[in-house]
Amino acid sequence: MGFIVRLVISAIIAAGLGLGSAYYAVTKYTGQSGEVQNGPWRTNLTTGGADADMYTRARVALFGLLALNKTETIYYTASSDSAGEKFNPACAYRIEGRDPDTRWWSFTAYGNDSYLIPNEGHRYAVSKNNVVRSTDGTFVIRLSTVPEAQNWIATARDGFDVTLRLYNPGPTVLANPSTVELPAIVKEACE
């Protein structure tokens, strides 16, 4: 009887360790092949491609419904600001910059559950088509829990990250995805 109990306990521990390490590898680990960092933005250039490793494919299955390959779309994600500080849900941020070299772009915030963040204004993204620019062509997009009249994306009080999608990225992005100029993310104020 003691042997069977030890065997069952060992199987439970092994299953827990296996599932835990798989969860970590898919959701948290950032050292996979194809990973690129550009300031606060990170991407995996194998996303949506035939050369994606098993962890990237699992991430796409969990978080990136129908991801396209890098010649069609590059998906940059940020979970920290340009100073390297993890997003604080009690703080407001601004994304500032110019249009990236791409046919079309959009910024979207997602909650910790990887879903769009519910808000009364039903405003989930700012894109090349609806951003309000300054006269010099630059833009500022606000990320906060407090609604604003224009260029605003809702954030969640329990945490969030931001995705920048570059559809049909230009040659400068494809040639240098880790050094191409991308918009900065700056912390403004905290509650």
Protein backbone atom coordinates (compact mmCIF):
# COMPACT_ATOMS: atom_id res chain seq x y z
CA MET A 1 0.00 0.00 0.00
CA GLY A 2 2.86 2.42 0.82
CA PHE A 3 4.40 1.93 -2.63
CA ILE A 4 1.15 2.85 -4.43
CA VAL A 5 0.72 5.99 -2.29
CA ARG A 6 4.32 7.09 -3.03
CA LEU A 7 3.77 6.37 -6.72
CA VAL A 8 0.57 8.47 -6.81
CA ILE A 9 2.23 11.33 -4.90
CA SER A 10 5.23 11.19 -7.26
CA ALA A 11 2.93 11.29 -10.30
CA ILE A 12 1.04 14.30 -8.89
CA ILE A 13 4.30 16.15 -8.18
CA ALA A 14 5.68 15.31 -11.64
CA ALA A 15 2.48 16.46 -13.34
CA GLY A 16 2.48 19.69 -11.30
CA LEU A 17 6.11 20.44 -12.17
CA GLY A 18 5.57 19.60 -15.82
CA LEU A 19 2.44 21.72 -16.17
CA GLY A 20 4.00 24.57 -14.18
CA SER A 21 7.16 24.66 -16.31
CA ALA A 22 5.11 24.48 -19.51
CA TYR A 23 2.92 27.36 -18.33
CA TYR A 24 6.02 29.43 -17.51
CA ALA A 25 7.66 28.65 -20.85
CA VAL A 26 4.56 29.65 -22.81
CA THR A 27 3.45 32.71 -20.85
CA LYS A 28 6.55 34.22 -19.20
CA TYR A 29 9.80 33.04 -20.81
CA THR A 30 11.21 35.57 -23.28
CA GLY A 31 14.41 33.90 -24.46
CA GLN A 32 12.91 31.91 -27.33
CA SER A 33 14.28 31.86 -30.85
CA GLY A 34 13.18 34.84 -32.93
CA GLU A 35 12.71 37.16 -29.91
CA VAL A 36 13.58 40.81 -30.56
CA GLN A 37 13.62 43.71 -28.08
CA ASN A 38 13.28 47.37 -29.16
CA GLY A 39 13.07 49.70 -26.16
CA PRO A 40 9.96 48.66 -24.22
CA TRP A 41 8.63 46.76 -27.25
CA ARG A 42 9.30 43.06 -27.84
CA THR A 43 8.31 40.74 -30.64
CA ASN A 44 8.99 37.28 -31.97
CA LEU A 45 9.78 37.33 -35.68
CA THR A 46 8.80 33.68 -36.08
CA THR A 47 5.19 34.36 -35.00
CA GLY A 48 2.83 33.06 -37.67
CA GLY A 49 5.67 31.45 -39.62
CA ALA A 50 6.61 27.87 -40.38
CA ASP A 51 9.90 28.23 -38.45
CA ALA A 52 8.18 29.04 -35.12
CA ASP A 53 9.24 26.80 -32.23
CA MET A 54 6.71 24.91 -30.13
CA TYR A 55 6.61 27.61 -27.42
CA THR A 56 5.88 30.37 -29.94
CA ARG A 57 3.14 28.27 -31.51
CA ALA A 58 1.63 27.65 -28.07
CA ARG A 59 1.73 31.40 -27.32
CA VAL A 60 -0.04 32.13 -30.60
CA ALA A 61 -2.66 29.53 -29.76
CA LEU A 62 -3.25 31.13 -26.35
CA PHE A 63 -2.86 34.84 -27.11
CA GLY A 64 -2.51 35.58 -30.83
CA LEU A 65 -5.54 34.27 -32.64
CA LEU A 66 -4.65 33.76 -36.31
CA ALA A 67 -1.26 35.51 -36.16
CA LEU A 68 0.24 36.43 -39.53
CA ASN A 69 3.91 36.03 -40.44
CA LYS A 70 6.36 38.97 -40.20
CA THR A 71 6.06 40.06 -43.84
CA GLU A 72 2.33 40.58 -43.28
CA THR A 73 2.30 41.86 -39.68
CA ILE A 74 4.76 42.41 -36.86
CA TYR A 75 3.24 42.32 -33.38
CA TYR A 76 5.21 44.31 -30.80
CA THR A 77 4.09 44.07 -27.17
CA ALA A 78 5.08 46.23 -24.20
CA SER A 79 4.53 45.49 -20.52
CA SER A 80 6.82 48.28 -19.32
CA ASP A 81 7.54 51.91 -20.16
CA SER A 82 10.59 53.26 -21.99
CA ALA A 83 12.41 53.66 -18.65
CA GLY A 84 12.12 49.89 -18.16
CA GLU A 85 9.57 50.06 -15.33
CA LYS A 86 6.74 47.53 -15.44
CA PHE A 87 3.36 49.17 -16.08
CA ASN A 88 1.71 50.26 -12.84
CA PRO A 89 -2.10 50.06 -13.14
CA ALA A 90 -2.41 53.10 -10.84
CA CYS A 91 -0.45 55.25 -13.31
CA ALA A 92 -1.27 57.01 -16.58
CA TYR A 93 1.10 56.73 -19.54
CA ARG A 94 1.52 58.31 -22.93
CA ILE A 95 2.71 56.76 -26.17
CA GLU A 96 4.46 59.41 -28.22
CA GLY A 97 6.05 59.31 -31.63
CA ARG A 98 5.50 59.32 -35.36
CA ASP A 99 3.92 56.87 -37.77
CA PRO A 100 6.09 53.75 -37.99
CA ASP A 101 7.23 52.57 -41.43
CA THR A 102 4.23 50.43 -42.26
CA ARG A 103 1.10 50.57 -44.39
CA TRP A 104 -1.19 50.59 -41.32
CA TRP A 105 -0.68 50.42 -37.54
CA SER A 106 -2.70 50.20 -34.33
CA PHE A 107 -2.16 50.26 -30.55
CA THR A 108 -4.41 48.12 -28.33
CA ALA A 109 -4.32 47.52 -24.56
CA TYR A 110 -5.17 44.11 -23.11
CA GLY A 111 -5.91 43.14 -19.51
CA ASN A 112 -4.10 40.38 -17.60
CA ASP A 113 -6.62 37.92 -19.03
CA SER A 114 -5.44 38.81 -22.61
CA TYR A 115 -8.85 40.27 -23.45
CA LEU A 116 -9.83 43.81 -24.39
CA ILE A 117 -10.36 46.06 -21.38
CA PRO A 118 -14.06 46.90 -20.86
CA ASN A 119 -14.80 50.62 -20.71
CA GLU A 120 -17.90 52.83 -20.99
CA GLY A 121 -16.72 54.54 -24.16
CA HIS A 122 -16.03 51.21 -25.92
CA ARG A 123 -12.63 52.56 -26.99
CA TYR A 124 -10.13 49.77 -27.36
CA ALA A 125 -7.52 50.98 -29.86
CA VAL A 126 -6.00 53.94 -31.63
CA SER A 127 -4.86 53.45 -35.21
CA LYS A 128 -3.29 55.26 -38.12
CA ASN A 129 -6.78 56.10 -39.37
CA ASN A 130 -8.18 57.68 -36.19
CA VAL A 131 -5.20 59.16 -34.33
CA VAL A 132 -5.18 62.94 -33.91
CA ARG A 133 -1.73 64.28 -34.82
CA SER A 134 0.06 67.54 -34.04
CA THR A 135 0.93 69.87 -36.90
CA ASP A 136 4.45 68.36 -37.05
CA GLY A 137 3.00 64.87 -37.63
CA THR A 138 3.71 63.50 -34.17
CA PHE A 139 1.04 61.98 -31.94
CA VAL A 140 0.44 61.39 -28.24
CA ILE A 141 -1.84 58.55 -27.14
CA ARG A 142 -2.90 58.37 -23.50
CA LEU A 143 -3.17 55.10 -21.57
CA SER A 144 -5.21 55.45 -18.37
CA THR A 145 -8.30 54.39 -16.48
CA VAL A 146 -9.72 57.92 -16.88
CA PRO A 147 -11.41 58.57 -20.25
CA GLU A 148 -10.11 61.35 -22.49
CA ALA A 149 -11.70 63.00 -25.52
CA GLN A 150 -9.17 61.83 -28.11
CA ASN A 151 -6.22 59.47 -28.52
CA TRP A 152 -7.14 57.48 -25.40
CA ILE A 153 -6.97 53.76 -24.65
CA ALA A 154 -8.45 52.32 -21.44
CA THR A 155 -6.19 50.45 -19.04
CA ALA A 156 -7.15 47.93 -16.35
CA ARG A 157 -6.74 48.41 -12.62
CA ASP A 158 -5.39 44.87 -12.22
CA GLY A 159 -2.71 45.20 -14.93
CA PHE A 160 -2.34 45.49 -18.69
CA ASP A 161 0.02 45.41 -21.63
CA VAL A 162 -0.03 47.17 -24.98
CA THR A 163 0.27 45.67 -28.46
CA LEU A 164 1.51 47.61 -31.49
CA ARG A 165 0.54 45.95 -34.78
CA LEU A 166 2.42 46.91 -37.93
CA TYR A 167 0.51 45.67 -40.98
CA ASN A 168 2.63 45.32 -44.13
CA PRO A 169 5.76 46.63 -42.42
CA GLY A 170 8.12 48.67 -44.59
CA PRO A 171 11.65 47.63 -45.58
CA THR A 172 13.29 49.53 -42.68
CA VAL A 173 11.19 47.61 -40.14
CA LEU A 174 11.83 44.24 -41.78
CA ALA A 175 15.58 44.97 -42.06
CA ASN A 176 16.02 46.20 -38.47
CA PRO A 177 13.08 45.29 -36.22
CA SER A 178 15.23 45.74 -33.09
CA THR A 179 16.54 49.21 -34.00
CA VAL A 180 13.77 50.82 -36.08
CA GLU A 181 12.32 53.89 -34.39
CA LEU A 182 9.15 52.97 -32.50
CA PRO A 183 7.01 55.25 -30.31
CA ALA A 184 8.16 55.79 -26.72
CA ILE A 185 6.02 55.00 -23.67
CA VAL A 186 6.33 57.57 -20.87
CA LYS A 187 4.84 57.44 -17.36
CA GLU A 188 2.85 60.60 -16.63
CA ALA A 189 1.23 60.47 -13.18
CA CYS A 190 0.08 57.97 -10.60
CA GLU A 191 -2.99 57.94 -8.35
